[in-house]
């Protein structure tokens, strides 16, 4: 219980600071865009590289990861099917599918893993799966649905190598897999730069709330409500069914996978949406509402399964 409330309190405070900065105009009219570009092109790639370069990739091969992958695919598939039927467009549907399945395993998942599950490393499989598998695929789709789709075949094939976040992730995995040791004079500045990522994302998110309407209104209300329902209820329910019914997990292992699946949509999804100029309001509203909805969901999950 303490971990859930503590994790959300930290996020709420930083977003609140961003809101006050935006309301007072202290960063100018382009403050949000600057923070978003800083996170997308510089800080987030550095953060992902430093985290993955020192990660133990053996955690990827586990039944917990299979549960995460299957539950992610299930809820994302539901949103994609709805997007195809309702003709929401490739970019918008991709952002909505991410908001339905991409959990906040970093700045919220880590404190919750520490205080609720007792081990911060339990979010590592989810984090690695999302960084190595989900993010490059989703960003490649966004690239190809926009300017990249007009290029040559070779340009399309090398689309992931032009994305700073994908490059940071894949380079970090390569360093970890090969056992290379990055010298301190190289790693330390990257760590320092990467530490700007989460604050920049949260501050930009807070600024985006200034002058905006209540979430869940306007033309994006249906995809927003669908993504929030899938993220807050659908994904943890799917994880519980798969973990207990298919993989036979119980006790602490069952609690681990359900809690991580019940985490809200990650704030960096707003950075992706802003970076590509598609589905920004969908991402913002989905993150905000799923974050609010996940508080009671996480409390119930921790109480029932704990």
C-alpha atoms as a PDB file:
ATOM      1  CA  UNK A   1       0.000   0.000   0.000  1.00  0.00           C
ATOM      2  CA  UNK A   2       2.766   2.446   0.974  1.00  0.00           C
ATOM      3  CA  UNK A   3       4.662   1.738  -2.271  1.00  0.00           C
ATOM      4  CA  UNK A   4       1.611   2.417  -4.424  1.00  0.00           C
ATOM      5  CA  UNK A   5       0.874   5.750  -2.755  1.00  0.00           C
ATOM      6  CA  UNK A   6       4.547   6.772  -2.632  1.00  0.00           C
ATOM      7  CA  UNK A   7       5.103   6.066  -6.329  1.00  0.00           C
ATOM      8  CA  UNK A   8       2.061   8.043  -7.378  1.00  0.00           C
ATOM      9  CA  UNK A   9       2.918  10.911  -5.039  1.00  0.00           C
ATOM     10  CA  UNK A  10       6.328  11.403  -6.665  1.00  0.00           C
ATOM     11  CA  UNK A  11       4.836  11.483 -10.148  1.00  0.00           C
ATOM     12  CA  UNK A  12       2.000  13.803  -9.125  1.00  0.00           C
ATOM     13  CA  UNK A  13       4.387  16.328  -7.573  1.00  0.00           C
ATOM     14  CA  UNK A  14       6.628  16.553 -10.651  1.00  0.00           C
ATOM     15  CA  UNK A  15       3.630  16.818 -13.010  1.00  0.00           C
ATOM     16  CA  UNK A  16       2.227  19.513 -10.714  1.00  0.00           C
ATOM     17  CA  UNK A  17       5.477  21.467 -10.959  1.00  0.00           C
ATOM     18  CA  UNK A  18       5.239  21.215 -14.746  1.00  0.00           C
ATOM     19  CA  UNK A  19       1.673  22.498 -14.632  1.00  0.00           C
ATOM     20  CA  UNK A  20       2.711  25.496 -12.539  1.00  0.00           C
ATOM     21  CA  UNK A  21       5.609  26.228 -14.904  1.00  0.00           C
ATOM     22  CA  UNK A  22       3.245  26.146 -17.851  1.00  0.00           C
ATOM     23  CA  UNK A  23       0.588  28.210 -16.136  1.00  0.00           C
ATOM     24  CA  UNK A  24       3.128  30.878 -15.231  1.00  0.00           C
ATOM     25  CA  UNK A  25       4.762  30.807 -18.664  1.00  0.00           C
ATOM     26  CA  UNK A  26       8.206  30.490 -17.081  1.00  0.00           C
ATOM     27  CA  UNK A  27       9.617  28.380 -19.937  1.00  0.00           C
ATOM     28  CA  UNK A  28       8.027  30.411 -22.718  1.00  0.00           C
ATOM     29  CA  UNK A  29       5.493  29.275 -25.290  1.00  0.00           C
ATOM     30  CA  UNK A  30       7.794  26.553 -26.617  1.00  0.00           C
ATOM     31  CA  UNK A  31       8.824  25.117 -23.261  1.00  0.00           C
ATOM     32  CA  UNK A  32       6.903  21.867 -23.675  1.00  0.00           C
ATOM     33  CA  UNK A  33       8.277  21.286 -27.164  1.00  0.00           C
ATOM     34  CA  UNK A  34      11.849  21.847 -25.993  1.00  0.00           C
ATOM     35  CA  UNK A  35      11.470  19.437 -23.060  1.00  0.00           C
ATOM     36  CA  UNK A  36       9.823  16.841 -25.281  1.00  0.00           C
ATOM     37  CA  UNK A  37      12.557  17.043 -27.913  1.00  0.00           C
ATOM     38  CA  UNK A  38      15.237  16.941 -25.214  1.00  0.00           C
ATOM     39  CA  UNK A  39      13.719  13.751 -23.788  1.00  0.00           C
ATOM     40  CA  UNK A  40      13.059  12.105 -27.153  1.00  0.00           C
ATOM     41  CA  UNK A  41      16.341  12.876 -28.946  1.00  0.00           C
ATOM     42  CA  UNK A  42      18.881  13.084 -26.113  1.00  0.00           C
ATOM     43  CA  UNK A  43      17.907  12.109 -22.559  1.00  0.00           C
ATOM     44  CA  UNK A  44      15.757   9.028 -23.170  1.00  0.00           C
ATOM     45  CA  UNK A  45      18.237   7.348 -25.560  1.00  0.00           C
ATOM     46  CA  UNK A  46      21.009   7.970 -23.011  1.00  0.00           C
ATOM     47  CA  UNK A  47      18.893   6.575 -20.169  1.00  0.00           C
ATOM     48  CA  UNK A  48      17.943   3.460 -22.116  1.00  0.00           C
ATOM     49  CA  UNK A  49      21.521   2.814 -23.174  1.00  0.00           C
ATOM     50  CA  UNK A  50      22.930   3.103 -19.648  1.00  0.00           C
ATOM     51  CA  UNK A  51      20.200   0.908 -18.143  1.00  0.00           C
ATOM     52  CA  UNK A  52      20.367  -1.838 -20.751  1.00  0.00           C
ATOM     53  CA  UNK A  53      24.164  -1.836 -21.050  1.00  0.00           C
ATOM     54  CA  UNK A  54      24.339  -2.944 -17.413  1.00  0.00           C
ATOM     55  CA  UNK A  55      21.264  -5.197 -17.411  1.00  0.00           C
ATOM     56  CA  UNK A  56      21.230  -8.952 -16.961  1.00  0.00           C
ATOM     57  CA  UNK A  57      19.613 -10.179 -20.158  1.00  0.00           C
ATOM     58  CA  UNK A  58      19.023 -13.627 -18.673  1.00  0.00           C
ATOM     59  CA  UNK A  59      15.905 -12.254 -16.980  1.00  0.00           C
ATOM     60  CA  UNK A  60      14.270 -12.131 -20.402  1.00  0.00           C
ATOM     61  CA  UNK A  61      13.913 -15.911 -20.542  1.00  0.00           C
ATOM     62  CA  UNK A  62      11.218 -16.540 -17.940  1.00  0.00           C
ATOM     63  CA  UNK A  63       7.579 -17.543 -17.684  1.00  0.00           C
ATOM     64  CA  UNK A  64       6.822 -14.115 -16.240  1.00  0.00           C
ATOM     65  CA  UNK A  65       8.034 -12.495 -19.432  1.00  0.00           C
ATOM     66  CA  UNK A  66       5.830 -14.801 -21.497  1.00  0.00           C
ATOM     67  CA  UNK A  67       2.821 -13.739 -19.432  1.00  0.00           C
ATOM     68  CA  UNK A  68       3.751 -10.094 -19.953  1.00  0.00           C
ATOM     69  CA  UNK A  69       4.248 -10.546 -23.694  1.00  0.00           C
ATOM     70  CA  UNK A  70       0.996 -12.452 -24.181  1.00  0.00           C
ATOM     71  CA  UNK A  71      -1.126 -10.073 -22.091  1.00  0.00           C
ATOM     72  CA  UNK A  72       0.433  -7.101 -23.893  1.00  0.00           C
ATOM     73  CA  UNK A  73      -0.323  -8.607 -27.296  1.00  0.00           C
ATOM     74  CA  UNK A  74      -3.879  -9.463 -26.242  1.00  0.00           C
ATOM     75  CA  UNK A  75      -4.977  -5.982 -25.152  1.00  0.00           C
ATOM     76  CA  UNK A  76      -3.017  -4.204 -27.903  1.00  0.00           C
ATOM     77  CA  UNK A  77      -4.676  -6.520 -30.436  1.00  0.00           C
ATOM     78  CA  UNK A  78      -8.124  -5.571 -29.150  1.00  0.00           C
ATOM     79  CA  UNK A  79      -7.362  -1.870 -29.589  1.00  0.00           C
ATOM     80  CA  UNK A  80      -5.865  -2.398 -33.050  1.00  0.00           C
ATOM     81  CA  UNK A  81      -8.978  -4.325 -34.131  1.00  0.00           C
ATOM     82  CA  UNK A  82     -11.178  -1.489 -32.886  1.00  0.00           C
ATOM     83  CA  UNK A  83      -8.960   1.050 -34.650  1.00  0.00           C
ATOM     84  CA  UNK A  84      -9.245  -0.806 -37.945  1.00  0.00           C
ATOM     85  CA  UNK A  85     -13.027  -1.063 -37.667  1.00  0.00           C
ATOM     86  CA  UNK A  86     -13.462   2.573 -36.613  1.00  0.00           C
ATOM     87  CA  UNK A  87     -10.784   3.819 -39.073  1.00  0.00           C
ATOM     88  CA  UNK A  88      -8.768   5.741 -36.502  1.00  0.00           C
ATOM     89  CA  UNK A  89      -5.653   5.729 -38.685  1.00  0.00           C
ATOM     90  CA  UNK A  90      -2.347   3.902 -38.330  1.00  0.00           C
ATOM     91  CA  UNK A  91      -0.566   6.481 -36.176  1.00  0.00           C
ATOM     92  CA  UNK A  92      -3.480   7.113 -33.842  1.00  0.00           C
ATOM     93  CA  UNK A  93      -4.200   3.405 -33.504  1.00  0.00           C
ATOM     94  CA  UNK A  94      -0.542   2.671 -32.731  1.00  0.00           C
ATOM     95  CA  UNK A  95      -0.460   5.285 -29.961  1.00  0.00           C
ATOM     96  CA  UNK A  96      -3.753   3.955 -28.567  1.00  0.00           C
ATOM     97  CA  UNK A  97      -2.480   0.368 -28.621  1.00  0.00           C
ATOM     98  CA  UNK A  98       0.615   1.472 -26.702  1.00  0.00           C
ATOM     99  CA  UNK A  99      -1.536   3.302 -24.145  1.00  0.00           C
ATOM    100  CA  UNK A 100      -3.557   0.098 -23.730  1.00  0.00           C
ATOM    101  CA  UNK A 101      -0.575  -2.155 -23.041  1.00  0.00           C
ATOM    102  CA  UNK A 102       2.702  -0.289 -22.348  1.00  0.00           C
ATOM    103  CA  UNK A 103       3.112  -0.068 -18.575  1.00  0.00           C
ATOM    104  CA  UNK A 104       4.960   2.509 -16.513  1.00  0.00           C
ATOM    105  CA  UNK A 105       7.693   0.100 -15.433  1.00  0.00           C
ATOM    106  CA  UNK A 106      10.318   2.763 -14.822  1.00  0.00           C
ATOM    107  CA  UNK A 107       9.573   5.762 -12.621  1.00  0.00           C
ATOM    108  CA  UNK A 108       6.423   4.171 -11.117  1.00  0.00           C
ATOM    109  CA  UNK A 109       7.114   0.453 -11.502  1.00  0.00           C
ATOM    110  CA  UNK A 110      10.436   0.546  -9.655  1.00  0.00           C
ATOM    111  CA  UNK A 111       9.171   2.127  -6.384  1.00  0.00           C
ATOM    112  CA  UNK A 112       6.095  -0.109  -6.416  1.00  0.00           C
ATOM    113  CA  UNK A 113       8.286  -3.168  -7.000  1.00  0.00           C
ATOM    114  CA  UNK A 114      10.402  -2.164  -4.024  1.00  0.00           C
ATOM    115  CA  UNK A 115       7.603  -1.420  -1.566  1.00  0.00           C
ATOM    116  CA  UNK A 116       4.891  -3.828  -2.740  1.00  0.00           C
ATOM    117  CA  UNK A 117       6.862  -6.748  -4.207  1.00  0.00           C
ATOM    118  CA  UNK A 118      10.047  -6.313  -2.199  1.00  0.00           C
ATOM    119  CA  UNK A 119      12.442  -6.478  -5.173  1.00  0.00           C
ATOM    120  CA  UNK A 120      13.091  -3.756  -7.757  1.00  0.00           C
ATOM    121  CA  UNK A 121      14.572  -6.282 -10.205  1.00  0.00           C
ATOM    122  CA  UNK A 122      11.124  -7.833 -10.723  1.00  0.00           C
ATOM    123  CA  UNK A 123      10.218  -5.065 -13.174  1.00  0.00           C
ATOM    124  CA  UNK A 124      13.348  -5.733 -15.250  1.00  0.00           C
ATOM    125  CA  UNK A 125      11.742  -8.358 -17.543  1.00  0.00           C
ATOM    126  CA  UNK A 126       8.851  -5.995 -18.317  1.00  0.00           C
ATOM    127  CA  UNK A 127      11.199  -3.068 -18.867  1.00  0.00           C
ATOM    128  CA  UNK A 128      13.488  -5.038 -21.171  1.00  0.00           C
ATOM    129  CA  UNK A 129      10.595  -6.524 -23.128  1.00  0.00           C
ATOM    130  CA  UNK A 130       9.078  -3.105 -23.739  1.00  0.00           C
ATOM    131  CA  UNK A 131      12.397  -1.470 -24.633  1.00  0.00           C
ATOM    132  CA  UNK A 132      13.759  -4.271 -26.801  1.00  0.00           C
ATOM    133  CA  UNK A 133      10.560  -5.590 -28.360  1.00  0.00           C
ATOM    134  CA  UNK A 134       7.603  -3.215 -28.175  1.00  0.00           C
ATOM    135  CA  UNK A 135       9.275   0.178 -28.570  1.00  0.00           C
ATOM    136  CA  UNK A 136      11.305  -0.495 -31.755  1.00  0.00           C
ATOM    137  CA  UNK A 137       8.295  -2.138 -33.433  1.00  0.00           C
ATOM    138  CA  UNK A 138       5.870   0.631 -32.491  1.00  0.00           C
ATOM    139  CA  UNK A 139       8.247   3.446 -33.458  1.00  0.00           C
ATOM    140  CA  UNK A 140       9.033   1.731 -36.748  1.00  0.00           C
ATOM    141  CA  UNK A 141       5.290   1.587 -37.514  1.00  0.00           C
ATOM    142  CA  UNK A 142       4.990   5.289 -36.669  1.00  0.00           C
ATOM    143  CA  UNK A 143       7.992   6.070 -38.887  1.00  0.00           C
ATOM    144  CA  UNK A 144       6.649   4.064 -41.813  1.00  0.00           C
ATOM    145  CA  UNK A 145       3.156   5.511 -41.488  1.00  0.00           C
ATOM    146  CA  UNK A 146       4.571   9.009 -41.877  1.00  0.00           C
ATOM    147  CA  UNK A 147       7.538  10.370 -43.779  1.00  0.00           C
ATOM    148  CA  UNK A 148       9.371   7.056 -43.796  1.00  0.00           C
ATOM    149  CA  UNK A 149       6.648   5.367 -45.843  1.00  0.00           C
ATOM    150  CA  UNK A 150       7.528   7.602 -48.810  1.00  0.00           C
ATOM    151  CA  UNK A 151      11.168   6.535 -48.954  1.00  0.00           C
ATOM    152  CA  UNK A 152      12.905   3.705 -50.720  1.00  0.00           C
ATOM    153  CA  UNK A 153      12.866   0.077 -49.604  1.00  0.00           C
ATOM    154  CA  UNK A 154      16.305   0.478 -48.034  1.00  0.00           C
ATOM    155  CA  UNK A 155      15.121   3.564 -46.165  1.00  0.00           C
ATOM    156  CA  UNK A 156      12.217   1.565 -44.737  1.00  0.00           C
ATOM    157  CA  UNK A 157      14.428  -1.367 -43.755  1.00  0.00           C
ATOM    158  CA  UNK A 158      16.779   0.903 -41.828  1.00  0.00           C
ATOM    159  CA  UNK A 159      14.018   2.957 -40.199  1.00  0.00           C
ATOM    160  CA  UNK A 160      14.762   1.660 -36.649  1.00  0.00           C
ATOM    161  CA  UNK A 161      18.398   2.725 -36.991  1.00  0.00           C
ATOM    162  CA  UNK A 162      17.328   6.341 -37.513  1.00  0.00           C
ATOM    163  CA  UNK A 163      15.230   6.496 -34.339  1.00  0.00           C
ATOM    164  CA  UNK A 164      17.229   7.801 -31.335  1.00  0.00           C
ATOM    165  CA  UNK A 165      15.255   5.803 -28.746  1.00  0.00           C
ATOM    166  CA  UNK A 166      15.538   2.555 -30.708  1.00  0.00           C
ATOM    167  CA  UNK A 167      19.242   3.184 -31.279  1.00  0.00           C
ATOM    168  CA  UNK A 168      19.830   3.778 -27.577  1.00  0.00           C
ATOM    169  CA  UNK A 169      17.968   0.582 -26.657  1.00  0.00           C
ATOM    170  CA  UNK A 170      19.587  -1.665 -29.236  1.00  0.00           C
ATOM    171  CA  UNK A 171      23.080  -0.316 -28.548  1.00  0.00           C
ATOM    172  CA  UNK A 172      22.650  -0.949 -24.825  1.00  0.00           C
ATOM    173  CA  UNK A 173      21.489  -4.509 -25.469  1.00  0.00           C
ATOM    174  CA  UNK A 174      24.492  -5.106 -27.728  1.00  0.00           C
ATOM    175  CA  UNK A 175      26.917  -3.889 -25.050  1.00  0.00           C
ATOM    176  CA  UNK A 176      25.277  -6.093 -22.409  1.00  0.00           C
ATOM    177  CA  UNK A 177      25.143  -9.172 -24.655  1.00  0.00           C
ATOM    178  CA  UNK A 178      28.799  -8.878 -25.689  1.00  0.00           C
ATOM    179  CA  UNK A 179      30.045  -8.176 -22.179  1.00  0.00           C
ATOM    180  CA  UNK A 180      31.785  -4.971 -23.190  1.00  0.00           C
ATOM    181  CA  UNK A 181      32.750  -2.558 -20.442  1.00  0.00           C
ATOM    182  CA  UNK A 182      32.054   1.075 -21.211  1.00  0.00           C
ATOM    183  CA  UNK A 183      34.768   3.318 -19.711  1.00  0.00           C
ATOM    184  CA  UNK A 184      33.715   5.633 -16.904  1.00  0.00           C
ATOM    185  CA  UNK A 185      34.526   8.859 -18.807  1.00  0.00           C
ATOM    186  CA  UNK A 186      32.015   7.704 -21.443  1.00  0.00           C
ATOM    187  CA  UNK A 187      29.340   6.141 -19.227  1.00  0.00           C
ATOM    188  CA  UNK A 188      29.217   8.817 -16.510  1.00  0.00           C
ATOM    189  CA  UNK A 189      28.189  11.707 -18.813  1.00  0.00           C
ATOM    190  CA  UNK A 190      25.558   9.450 -20.397  1.00  0.00           C
ATOM    191  CA  UNK A 191      24.178   8.598 -16.958  1.00  0.00           C
ATOM    192  CA  UNK A 192      24.025  12.293 -16.101  1.00  0.00           C
ATOM    193  CA  UNK A 193      22.219  13.117 -19.346  1.00  0.00           C
ATOM    194  CA  UNK A 194      19.886  10.144 -18.967  1.00  0.00           C
ATOM    195  CA  UNK A 195      18.839  11.325 -15.520  1.00  0.00           C
ATOM    196  CA  UNK A 196      17.053  14.224 -17.233  1.00  0.00           C
ATOM    197  CA  UNK A 197      14.698  11.909 -19.097  1.00  0.00           C
ATOM    198  CA  UNK A 198      11.986  11.133 -16.533  1.00  0.00           C
ATOM    199  CA  UNK A 199      11.790  14.686 -15.091  1.00  0.00           C
ATOM    200  CA  UNK A 200      11.665  16.187 -18.587  1.00  0.00           C
ATOM    201  CA  UNK A 201       8.842  13.840 -19.630  1.00  0.00           C
ATOM    202  CA  UNK A 202       6.821  14.529 -16.484  1.00  0.00           C
ATOM    203  CA  UNK A 203       7.350  18.283 -16.652  1.00  0.00           C
ATOM    204  CA  UNK A 204       6.325  18.370 -20.330  1.00  0.00           C
ATOM    205  CA  UNK A 205       3.263  16.314 -19.448  1.00  0.00           C
ATOM    206  CA  UNK A 206       2.342  18.788 -16.696  1.00  0.00           C
ATOM    207  CA  UNK A 207       2.767  21.762 -19.030  1.00  0.00           C
ATOM    208  CA  UNK A 208       0.472  20.068 -21.574  1.00  0.00           C
ATOM    209  CA  UNK A 209      -2.346  20.109 -19.007  1.00  0.00           C
ATOM    210  CA  UNK A 210      -2.442  23.923 -18.954  1.00  0.00           C
ATOM    211  CA  UNK A 211      -5.501  25.290 -20.705  1.00  0.00           C
ATOM    212  CA  UNK A 212      -6.624  21.830 -21.766  1.00  0.00           C
ATOM    213  CA  UNK A 213     -10.136  20.500 -21.448  1.00  0.00           C
ATOM    214  CA  UNK A 214     -11.139  17.728 -19.087  1.00  0.00           C
ATOM    215  CA  UNK A 215      -9.752  14.338 -20.181  1.00  0.00           C
ATOM    216  CA  UNK A 216     -12.064  11.977 -21.980  1.00  0.00           C
ATOM    217  CA  UNK A 217     -13.863  14.610 -24.035  1.00  0.00           C
ATOM    218  CA  UNK A 218     -13.763  15.578 -27.681  1.00  0.00           C
ATOM    219  CA  UNK A 219     -13.204  13.382 -30.738  1.00  0.00           C
ATOM    220  CA  UNK A 220     -10.722  11.124 -28.916  1.00  0.00           C
ATOM    221  CA  UNK A 221     -13.076  10.140 -26.102  1.00  0.00           C
ATOM    222  CA  UNK A 222     -13.892   6.673 -27.471  1.00  0.00           C
ATOM    223  CA  UNK A 223     -10.288   5.564 -28.088  1.00  0.00           C
ATOM    224  CA  UNK A 224      -9.324   7.117 -24.742  1.00  0.00           C
ATOM    225  CA  UNK A 225     -11.966   5.216 -22.780  1.00  0.00           C
ATOM    226  CA  UNK A 226     -11.155   1.996 -24.632  1.00  0.00           C
ATOM    227  CA  UNK A 227      -7.422   2.286 -23.954  1.00  0.00           C
ATOM    228  CA  UNK A 228      -8.004   3.120 -20.272  1.00  0.00           C
ATOM    229  CA  UNK A 229     -10.367   0.163 -19.831  1.00  0.00           C
ATOM    230  CA  UNK A 230      -7.908  -2.208 -21.514  1.00  0.00           C
ATOM    231  CA  UNK A 231      -4.926  -0.879 -19.533  1.00  0.00           C
ATOM    232  CA  UNK A 232      -6.570  -0.671 -16.122  1.00  0.00           C
ATOM    233  CA  UNK A 233      -8.753  -3.797 -16.217  1.00  0.00           C
ATOM    234  CA  UNK A 234      -8.096  -5.821 -19.356  1.00  0.00           C
ATOM    235  CA  UNK A 235      -4.329  -6.247 -19.064  1.00  0.00           C
ATOM    236  CA  UNK A 236      -4.170  -7.257 -15.365  1.00  0.00           C
ATOM    237  CA  UNK A 237      -7.129  -9.610 -15.917  1.00  0.00           C
ATOM    238  CA  UNK A 238      -5.404 -11.188 -18.916  1.00  0.00           C
ATOM    239  CA  UNK A 239      -2.145 -11.499 -16.956  1.00  0.00           C
ATOM    240  CA  UNK A 240      -3.942 -13.180 -14.042  1.00  0.00           C
ATOM    241  CA  UNK A 241      -5.736 -15.632 -16.359  1.00  0.00           C
ATOM    242  CA  UNK A 242      -2.544 -16.530 -18.228  1.00  0.00           C
ATOM    243  CA  UNK A 243      -0.327 -16.728 -15.158  1.00  0.00           C
ATOM    244  CA  UNK A 244      -2.664 -18.876 -13.081  1.00  0.00           C
ATOM    245  CA  UNK A 245      -4.469 -20.852 -15.771  1.00  0.00           C
ATOM    246  CA  UNK A 246      -1.749 -21.447 -18.379  1.00  0.00           C
ATOM    247  CA  UNK A 247       1.596 -21.201 -16.564  1.00  0.00           C
ATOM    248  CA  UNK A 248       0.446 -22.348 -13.133  1.00  0.00           C
ATOM    249  CA  UNK A 249       1.963 -19.437 -11.251  1.00  0.00           C
ATOM    250  CA  UNK A 250       0.752 -18.750  -7.732  1.00  0.00           C
ATOM    251  CA  UNK A 251       1.691 -16.856  -4.605  1.00  0.00           C
ATOM    252  CA  UNK A 252       4.424 -14.245  -4.994  1.00  0.00           C
ATOM    253  CA  UNK A 253       5.019 -15.022  -8.686  1.00  0.00           C
ATOM    254  CA  UNK A 254       1.334 -14.505  -9.511  1.00  0.00           C
ATOM    255  CA  UNK A 255       1.298 -11.249  -7.539  1.00  0.00           C
ATOM    256  CA  UNK A 256       4.408 -10.024  -9.386  1.00  0.00           C
ATOM    257  CA  UNK A 257       3.013 -10.396 -12.896  1.00  0.00           C
ATOM    258  CA  UNK A 258      -0.445  -9.040 -12.064  1.00  0.00           C
ATOM    259  CA  UNK A 259       0.910  -5.994 -10.224  1.00  0.00           C
ATOM    260  CA  UNK A 260       3.286  -5.100 -13.065  1.00  0.00           C
ATOM    261  CA  UNK A 261       0.476  -5.560 -15.600  1.00  0.00           C
ATOM    262  CA  UNK A 262      -1.804  -3.292 -13.563  1.00  0.00           C
ATOM    263  CA  UNK A 263       0.635  -0.369 -13.744  1.00  0.00           C
ATOM    264  CA  UNK A 264      -0.744   2.601 -15.729  1.00  0.00           C
ATOM    265  CA  UNK A 265       0.332   3.698 -19.183  1.00  0.00           C
ATOM    266  CA  UNK A 266       3.881   5.074 -19.235  1.00  0.00           C
ATOM    267  CA  UNK A 267       4.479   8.828 -19.419  1.00  0.00           C
ATOM    268  CA  UNK A 268       7.050   8.411 -22.198  1.00  0.00           C
ATOM    269  CA  UNK A 269       4.205   7.448 -24.540  1.00  0.00           C
ATOM    270  CA  UNK A 270       3.276  11.126 -24.543  1.00  0.00           C
ATOM    271  CA  UNK A 271       6.842  11.853 -25.651  1.00  0.00           C
ATOM    272  CA  UNK A 272       6.447   9.427 -28.563  1.00  0.00           C
ATOM    273  CA  UNK A 273       3.104  10.953 -29.556  1.00  0.00           C
ATOM    274  CA  UNK A 274       4.516  14.478 -29.354  1.00  0.00           C
ATOM    275  CA  UNK A 275       7.659  13.515 -31.215  1.00  0.00           C
ATOM    276  CA  UNK A 276       5.620  12.179 -34.137  1.00  0.00           C
ATOM    277  CA  UNK A 277       2.840  14.766 -33.869  1.00  0.00           C
ATOM    278  CA  UNK A 278       0.091  12.133 -33.732  1.00  0.00           C
ATOM    279  CA  UNK A 279      -2.408  11.135 -31.044  1.00  0.00           C
ATOM    280  CA  UNK A 280      -1.045  13.629 -28.497  1.00  0.00           C
ATOM    281  CA  UNK A 281      -4.371  14.226 -26.761  1.00  0.00           C
ATOM    282  CA  UNK A 282      -5.161  10.507 -26.878  1.00  0.00           C
ATOM    283  CA  UNK A 283      -1.851   9.752 -25.155  1.00  0.00           C
ATOM    284  CA  UNK A 284      -2.189  12.545 -22.602  1.00  0.00           C
ATOM    285  CA  UNK A 285      -5.754  11.668 -21.575  1.00  0.00           C
ATOM    286  CA  UNK A 286      -5.095   7.924 -21.542  1.00  0.00           C
ATOM    287  CA  UNK A 287      -2.016   8.322 -19.327  1.00  0.00           C
ATOM    288  CA  UNK A 288      -3.815  10.667 -16.938  1.00  0.00           C
ATOM    289  CA  UNK A 289      -6.954   8.545 -16.587  1.00  0.00           C
ATOM    290  CA  UNK A 290      -5.148   5.198 -16.425  1.00  0.00           C
ATOM    291  CA  UNK A 291      -2.831   6.596 -13.747  1.00  0.00           C
ATOM    292  CA  UNK A 292      -5.827   7.651 -11.660  1.00  0.00           C
ATOM    293  CA  UNK A 293      -7.628   4.343 -12.264  1.00  0.00           C
ATOM    294  CA  UNK A 294      -4.592   2.229 -11.427  1.00  0.00           C
ATOM    295  CA  UNK A 295      -4.481   3.417  -7.805  1.00  0.00           C
ATOM    296  CA  UNK A 296      -7.584   1.476  -6.675  1.00  0.00           C
ATOM    297  CA  UNK A 297      -6.740  -1.396  -9.028  1.00  0.00           C
ATOM    298  CA  UNK A 298      -3.249  -1.819  -7.556  1.00  0.00           C
ATOM    299  CA  UNK A 299      -4.607  -1.581  -4.018  1.00  0.00           C
ATOM    300  CA  UNK A 300      -7.179  -4.310  -4.756  1.00  0.00           C
ATOM    301  CA  UNK A 301      -4.604  -6.540  -6.478  1.00  0.00           C
ATOM    302  CA  UNK A 302      -2.074  -6.158  -3.647  1.00  0.00           C
ATOM    303  CA  UNK A 303      -4.781  -6.839  -1.057  1.00  0.00           C
ATOM    304  CA  UNK A 304      -6.362  -9.878  -2.757  1.00  0.00           C
ATOM    305  CA  UNK A 305      -3.231 -11.601  -4.070  1.00  0.00           C
ATOM    306  CA  UNK A 306      -0.836 -10.415  -1.385  1.00  0.00           C
END
